[in-house]
C-alpha cells in the first residue's frame, strides 16, 4: 500500500510539472526558455527537467542548447529532419 501511495504521488508530481512546463513554453511572451528557469519553476534538477521536456515534445535550440521550446512553436529545421522512409 505504501508503494502505491508513493507511486501515485510521484506520478501526480510529474503531471503537475509537465503542465507547468507546457504553460511556460506556450506563453505569448516567450517562445524559448532557459533550462535553468524551467528547472527552477518546477523544483527539479536539470536532468529531470530535460526528461519532462522531451515527454511534452519540447526541444533544445541548436544555437543555444540551454534554451528550450515546444516543437509545435519552434519546429525542427527541414534540413535537419531525418529522412522519411519514402525519401531514402
N, C-alpha and C. Protein backbone atom coordinates (compact mmCIF):
# COMPACT_ATOMS: atom_id res chain seq x y z
N UNK A 1 0.82 -1.19 0.00
CA UNK A 1 0.00 0.00 0.00
C UNK A 1 0.87 1.26 0.00
N UNK A 2 1.94 1.27 0.78
CA UNK A 2 2.82 2.42 0.85
C UNK A 2 3.46 2.70 -0.51
N UNK A 3 3.87 1.64 -1.20
CA UNK A 3 4.47 1.79 -2.53
C UNK A 3 3.47 2.43 -3.50
N UNK A 4 2.22 2.00 -3.43
CA UNK A 4 1.19 2.54 -4.33
C UNK A 4 1.00 4.04 -4.09
N UNK A 5 0.97 4.45 -2.83
CA UNK A 5 0.80 5.87 -2.49
C UNK A 5 2.00 6.67 -2.98
N UNK A 6 3.20 6.16 -2.79
CA UNK A 6 4.40 6.85 -3.25
C UNK A 6 4.41 6.96 -4.76
N UNK A 7 4.04 5.90 -5.44
CA UNK A 7 4.00 5.92 -6.91
C UNK A 7 2.97 6.92 -7.41
N UNK A 8 1.82 6.96 -6.76
CA UNK A 8 0.75 7.89 -7.15
C UNK A 8 1.19 9.34 -6.95
N UNK A 9 1.88 9.63 -5.85
CA UNK A 9 2.39 10.98 -5.60
C UNK A 9 3.42 11.38 -6.65
N UNK A 10 4.31 10.45 -6.99
CA UNK A 10 5.34 10.73 -7.99
C UNK A 10 4.70 11.01 -9.35
N UNK A 11 3.69 10.23 -9.70
CA UNK A 11 3.00 10.44 -10.97
C UNK A 11 2.28 11.78 -10.97
N UNK A 12 1.64 12.10 -9.88
CA UNK A 12 0.93 13.36 -9.76
C UNK A 12 1.89 14.54 -9.87
N UNK A 13 3.04 14.44 -9.22
CA UNK A 13 4.05 15.50 -9.28
C UNK A 13 4.55 15.67 -10.70
N UNK A 14 4.85 14.57 -11.38
CA UNK A 14 5.33 14.64 -12.76
C UNK A 14 4.28 15.28 -13.67
N UNK A 15 3.01 14.93 -13.47
CA UNK A 15 1.93 15.53 -14.26
C UNK A 15 1.86 17.04 -14.04
N UNK A 16 1.98 17.45 -12.80
CA UNK A 16 1.94 18.89 -12.48
C UNK A 16 3.14 19.60 -13.09
N UNK A 17 4.29 18.96 -13.03
CA UNK A 17 5.50 19.56 -13.61
C UNK A 17 5.36 19.69 -15.13
N UNK A 18 4.86 18.65 -15.79
CA UNK A 18 4.67 18.72 -17.24
C UNK A 18 3.70 19.84 -17.60
N UNK A 19 2.63 19.98 -16.84
CA UNK A 19 1.65 21.04 -17.10
C UNK A 19 2.29 22.42 -16.96
N UNK A 20 3.08 22.60 -15.93
CA UNK A 20 3.74 23.90 -15.74
C UNK A 20 4.72 24.18 -16.87
N UNK A 21 5.49 23.17 -17.28
CA UNK A 21 6.43 23.36 -18.39
C UNK A 21 5.68 23.74 -19.67
N UNK A 22 4.60 23.02 -19.96
CA UNK A 22 3.79 23.35 -21.15
C UNK A 22 3.30 24.80 -21.08
N UNK A 23 2.84 25.19 -19.91
CA UNK A 23 2.35 26.56 -19.74
C UNK A 23 3.43 27.60 -19.96
N UNK A 24 4.60 27.35 -19.42
CA UNK A 24 5.70 28.31 -19.59
C UNK A 24 6.14 28.41 -21.04
N UNK A 25 6.11 27.29 -21.75
CA UNK A 25 6.58 27.29 -23.14
C UNK A 25 5.48 27.66 -24.13
N UNK A 26 4.25 27.79 -23.65
CA UNK A 26 3.13 28.15 -24.52
C UNK A 26 2.75 29.62 -24.43
N UNK A 27 3.35 30.33 -23.51
CA UNK A 27 3.01 31.73 -23.30
C UNK A 27 3.33 32.60 -24.50
N UNK A 28 2.61 33.70 -24.61
CA UNK A 28 2.81 34.61 -25.74
C UNK A 28 4.11 35.40 -25.64
N UNK A 29 4.57 35.63 -24.43
CA UNK A 29 5.73 36.49 -24.23
C UNK A 29 7.05 35.84 -24.65
N UNK A 30 7.21 34.54 -24.38
CA UNK A 30 8.49 33.86 -24.65
C UNK A 30 8.26 32.57 -25.42
N UNK A 31 8.97 32.39 -26.52
CA UNK A 31 8.93 31.11 -27.23
C UNK A 31 10.00 30.19 -26.62
N UNK A 32 11.16 30.73 -26.31
CA UNK A 32 12.28 29.98 -25.76
C UNK A 32 12.47 30.32 -24.30
N UNK A 33 12.81 29.31 -23.49
CA UNK A 33 13.10 29.49 -22.07
C UNK A 33 14.38 28.74 -21.72
N UNK A 34 15.11 29.28 -20.76
CA UNK A 34 16.36 28.61 -20.35
C UNK A 34 16.04 27.39 -19.49
N UNK A 35 16.90 26.41 -19.57
CA UNK A 35 16.72 25.20 -18.77
C UNK A 35 16.77 25.55 -17.29
N UNK A 36 17.57 26.55 -16.92
CA UNK A 36 17.66 26.95 -15.52
C UNK A 36 16.32 27.50 -15.02
N UNK A 37 15.69 28.35 -15.82
CA UNK A 37 14.39 28.92 -15.42
C UNK A 37 13.32 27.84 -15.37
N UNK A 38 13.34 26.93 -16.34
CA UNK A 38 12.35 25.85 -16.37
C UNK A 38 12.52 24.93 -15.17
N UNK A 39 13.75 24.55 -14.88
CA UNK A 39 14.02 23.66 -13.74
C UNK A 39 13.61 24.32 -12.42
N UNK A 40 13.95 25.59 -12.28
CA UNK A 40 13.60 26.30 -11.04
C UNK A 40 12.08 26.41 -10.88
N UNK A 41 11.37 26.57 -11.98
CA UNK A 41 9.92 26.75 -11.89
C UNK A 41 9.19 25.49 -11.46
N UNK A 42 9.81 24.32 -11.70
CA UNK A 42 9.15 23.07 -11.32
C UNK A 42 9.83 22.40 -10.12
N UNK A 43 10.88 23.02 -9.61
CA UNK A 43 11.56 22.47 -8.43
C UNK A 43 12.26 21.15 -8.71
N UNK A 44 12.90 21.07 -9.87
CA UNK A 44 13.59 19.83 -10.25
C UNK A 44 15.00 20.15 -10.73
N UNK A 45 15.83 19.13 -10.81
CA UNK A 45 17.17 19.32 -11.36
C UNK A 45 17.09 19.35 -12.89
N UNK A 46 18.19 19.71 -13.52
CA UNK A 46 18.22 19.87 -14.98
C UNK A 46 17.92 18.55 -15.70
N UNK A 47 18.45 17.43 -15.20
CA UNK A 47 18.23 16.14 -15.87
C UNK A 47 16.75 15.76 -15.85
N UNK A 48 16.10 15.92 -14.71
CA UNK A 48 14.67 15.60 -14.61
C UNK A 48 13.87 16.53 -15.52
N UNK A 49 14.25 17.79 -15.55
CA UNK A 49 13.55 18.76 -16.38
C UNK A 49 13.68 18.40 -17.85
N UNK A 50 14.86 18.01 -18.28
CA UNK A 50 15.06 17.62 -19.68
C UNK A 50 14.19 16.42 -20.03
N UNK A 51 14.12 15.44 -19.15
CA UNK A 51 13.27 14.27 -19.40
C UNK A 51 11.81 14.68 -19.59
N UNK A 52 11.33 15.56 -18.71
CA UNK A 52 9.95 16.02 -18.81
C UNK A 52 9.73 16.86 -20.07
N UNK A 53 10.71 17.67 -20.43
CA UNK A 53 10.60 18.47 -21.65
C UNK A 53 10.49 17.58 -22.89
N UNK A 54 11.27 16.54 -22.93
CA UNK A 54 11.20 15.61 -24.06
C UNK A 54 9.83 14.93 -24.10
N UNK A 55 9.30 14.59 -22.94
CA UNK A 55 7.98 13.96 -22.87
C UNK A 55 6.88 14.87 -23.40
N UNK A 56 7.01 16.18 -23.23
CA UNK A 56 5.98 17.11 -23.71
C UNK A 56 6.30 17.63 -25.12
N UNK A 57 7.26 17.00 -25.78
CA UNK A 57 7.65 17.35 -27.15
C UNK A 57 8.24 18.74 -27.27
N UNK A 58 9.21 19.00 -26.40
CA UNK A 58 9.99 20.22 -26.48
C UNK A 58 11.37 19.85 -27.00
N UNK A 59 12.10 20.85 -27.46
CA UNK A 59 13.45 20.60 -27.98
C UNK A 59 14.38 21.72 -27.57
N UNK A 60 15.66 21.40 -27.56
CA UNK A 60 16.68 22.39 -27.27
C UNK A 60 17.01 23.15 -28.56
N UNK A 61 17.47 24.37 -28.40
CA UNK A 61 17.91 25.17 -29.53
C UNK A 61 19.25 24.65 -30.04
N UNK A 62 19.47 24.73 -31.35
CA UNK A 62 20.77 24.35 -31.89
C UNK A 62 21.80 25.43 -31.61
N UNK A 63 21.38 26.68 -31.61
CA UNK A 63 22.29 27.80 -31.37
C UNK A 63 22.66 27.92 -29.90
N UNK A 64 21.70 27.59 -29.01
CA UNK A 64 21.93 27.69 -27.58
C UNK A 64 21.26 26.50 -26.90
N UNK A 65 21.99 25.41 -26.68
CA UNK A 65 21.39 24.19 -26.12
C UNK A 65 20.76 24.35 -24.73
N UNK A 66 20.99 25.48 -24.07
CA UNK A 66 20.36 25.70 -22.77
C UNK A 66 18.98 26.33 -22.90
N UNK A 67 18.56 26.64 -24.14
CA UNK A 67 17.23 27.19 -24.39
C UNK A 67 16.34 26.12 -24.97
N UNK A 68 15.08 26.08 -24.49
CA UNK A 68 14.13 25.07 -24.90
C UNK A 68 12.83 25.71 -25.37
N UNK A 69 12.16 25.05 -26.33
CA UNK A 69 10.86 25.49 -26.84
C UNK A 69 10.06 24.27 -27.24
N UNK A 70 8.75 24.43 -27.32
CA UNK A 70 7.91 23.35 -27.83
C UNK A 70 8.16 23.18 -29.32
N UNK A 71 8.22 21.95 -29.77
CA UNK A 71 8.43 21.68 -31.20
C UNK A 71 7.31 22.31 -32.02
N UNK A 72 6.10 22.35 -31.49
CA UNK A 72 4.98 22.95 -32.21
C UNK A 72 5.18 24.45 -32.45
N UNK A 73 5.95 25.10 -31.60
CA UNK A 73 6.21 26.55 -31.75
C UNK A 73 7.55 26.83 -32.41
N UNK A 74 8.46 25.88 -32.35
CA UNK A 74 9.79 26.04 -32.95
C UNK A 74 10.15 24.72 -33.64
N UNK A 75 9.53 24.46 -34.80
CA UNK A 75 9.75 23.18 -35.48
C UNK A 75 11.21 22.97 -35.86
N UNK A 76 11.56 21.71 -36.01
CA UNK A 76 12.92 21.37 -36.44
C UNK A 76 13.15 21.95 -37.83
N UNK A 77 14.33 22.49 -38.09
CA UNK A 77 14.63 22.95 -39.44
C UNK A 77 14.56 21.77 -40.42
N UNK A 78 14.02 22.03 -41.59
CA UNK A 78 13.82 20.96 -42.56
C UNK A 78 15.12 20.24 -42.91
N UNK A 79 16.21 20.97 -43.01
CA UNK A 79 17.47 20.34 -43.38
C UNK A 79 18.03 19.43 -42.30
N UNK A 80 17.47 19.49 -41.10
CA UNK A 80 17.97 18.66 -40.01
C UNK A 80 17.01 17.54 -39.64
N UNK A 81 15.86 17.47 -40.30
CA UNK A 81 14.92 16.39 -40.01
C UNK A 81 15.44 15.10 -40.63
N UNK A 82 15.25 13.96 -39.94
CA UNK A 82 15.66 12.68 -40.54
C UNK A 82 14.81 12.40 -41.78
N UNK A 83 15.42 11.75 -42.74
CA UNK A 83 14.70 11.39 -43.95
C UNK A 83 13.63 10.36 -43.64
N UNK A 84 12.45 10.59 -44.18
CA UNK A 84 11.37 9.61 -44.03
C UNK A 84 11.63 8.40 -44.89
N UNK A 85 10.89 7.34 -44.67
CA UNK A 85 11.08 6.10 -45.42
C UNK A 85 10.95 6.34 -46.93
N UNK A 86 10.03 7.23 -47.33
CA UNK A 86 9.82 7.46 -48.76
C UNK A 86 10.90 8.35 -49.37
N UNK A 87 11.71 9.00 -48.55
CA UNK A 87 12.73 9.92 -49.07
C UNK A 87 14.10 9.28 -49.17
N UNK A 88 14.27 8.06 -48.74
CA UNK A 88 15.61 7.43 -48.76
C UNK A 88 15.96 6.92 -50.11
